[in-house]
Amino acid sequence: MQGATCMTLEELRSATNNFSSSNLVGHGMFGEVYNGLLHG
């Protein structure tokens, strides 16, 4: 198992279509959970 990957806010915005409500999966203990697609 690999460690966590650090990502910039811009990368997260791009992956989630600017945190679009259509990508909202649910609410976790620490906030909203979004589905996203990483390119690369």
C-alpha atoms as a PDB file:
ATOM      1  CA  MET A   1       0.000   0.000   0.000  1.00  0.00           C
ATOM      2  CA  GLN A   2       1.320   3.425  -0.932  1.00  0.00           C
ATOM      3  CA  GLY A   3       1.124   6.583   1.142  1.00  0.00           C
ATOM      4  CA  ALA A   4      -1.212   9.488   0.549  1.00  0.00           C
ATOM      5  CA  THR A   5      -0.730  11.730  -2.480  1.00  0.00           C
ATOM      6  CA  CYS A   6      -0.709  15.488  -1.972  1.00  0.00           C
ATOM      7  CA  MET A   7      -2.815  17.425  -4.454  1.00  0.00           C
ATOM      8  CA  THR A   8      -3.344  21.118  -5.025  1.00  0.00           C
ATOM      9  CA  LEU A   9      -6.740  22.734  -4.695  1.00  0.00           C
ATOM     10  CA  GLU A  10      -6.653  23.433  -8.439  1.00  0.00           C
ATOM     11  CA  GLU A  11      -6.125  19.707  -9.168  1.00  0.00           C
ATOM     12  CA  LEU A  12      -9.078  18.839  -6.931  1.00  0.00           C
ATOM     13  CA  ARG A  13     -11.264  21.469  -8.584  1.00  0.00           C
ATOM     14  CA  SER A  14     -10.363  20.116 -12.007  1.00  0.00           C
ATOM     15  CA  ALA A  15     -10.998  16.492 -10.994  1.00  0.00           C
ATOM     16  CA  THR A  16     -14.413  17.258  -9.465  1.00  0.00           C
ATOM     17  CA  ASN A  17     -15.590  19.826 -12.035  1.00  0.00           C
ATOM     18  CA  ASN A  18     -15.187  22.605  -9.454  1.00  0.00           C
ATOM     19  CA  PHE A  19     -16.823  20.476  -6.735  1.00  0.00           C
ATOM     20  CA  SER A  20     -19.983  20.126  -8.802  1.00  0.00           C
ATOM     21  CA  SER A  21     -23.070  18.926  -6.940  1.00  0.00           C
ATOM     22  CA  SER A  22     -23.392  16.219  -9.604  1.00  0.00           C
ATOM     23  CA  ASN A  23     -20.147  14.730  -8.224  1.00  0.00           C
ATOM     24  CA  LEU A  24     -21.239  14.875  -4.582  1.00  0.00           C
ATOM     25  CA  VAL A  25     -21.252  11.345  -3.182  1.00  0.00           C
ATOM     26  CA  GLY A  26     -22.258  12.113   0.390  1.00  0.00           C
ATOM     27  CA  HIS A  27     -21.214  13.682   3.662  1.00  0.00           C
ATOM     28  CA  GLY A  28     -18.430  12.278   5.803  1.00  0.00           C
ATOM     29  CA  MET A  29     -17.239  13.078   9.297  1.00  0.00           C
ATOM     30  CA  PHE A  30     -15.009  15.866   7.968  1.00  0.00           C
ATOM     31  CA  GLY A  31     -17.247  17.306   5.233  1.00  0.00           C
ATOM     32  CA  GLU A  32     -18.545  16.516   1.775  1.00  0.00           C
ATOM     33  CA  VAL A  33     -17.223  13.588  -0.281  1.00  0.00           C
ATOM     34  CA  TYR A  34     -16.860  14.049  -4.042  1.00  0.00           C
ATOM     35  CA  ASN A  35     -16.238  11.686  -6.918  1.00  0.00           C
ATOM     36  CA  GLY A  36     -13.518  12.888  -9.275  1.00  0.00           C
ATOM     37  CA  LEU A  37     -11.417  11.845 -12.252  1.00  0.00           C
ATOM     38  CA  LEU A  38      -7.665  12.421 -12.316  1.00  0.00           C
ATOM     39  CA  HIS A  39      -6.042  12.925 -15.701  1.00  0.00           C
ATOM     40  CA  GLY A  40      -2.463  11.959 -16.269  1.00  0.00           C
END
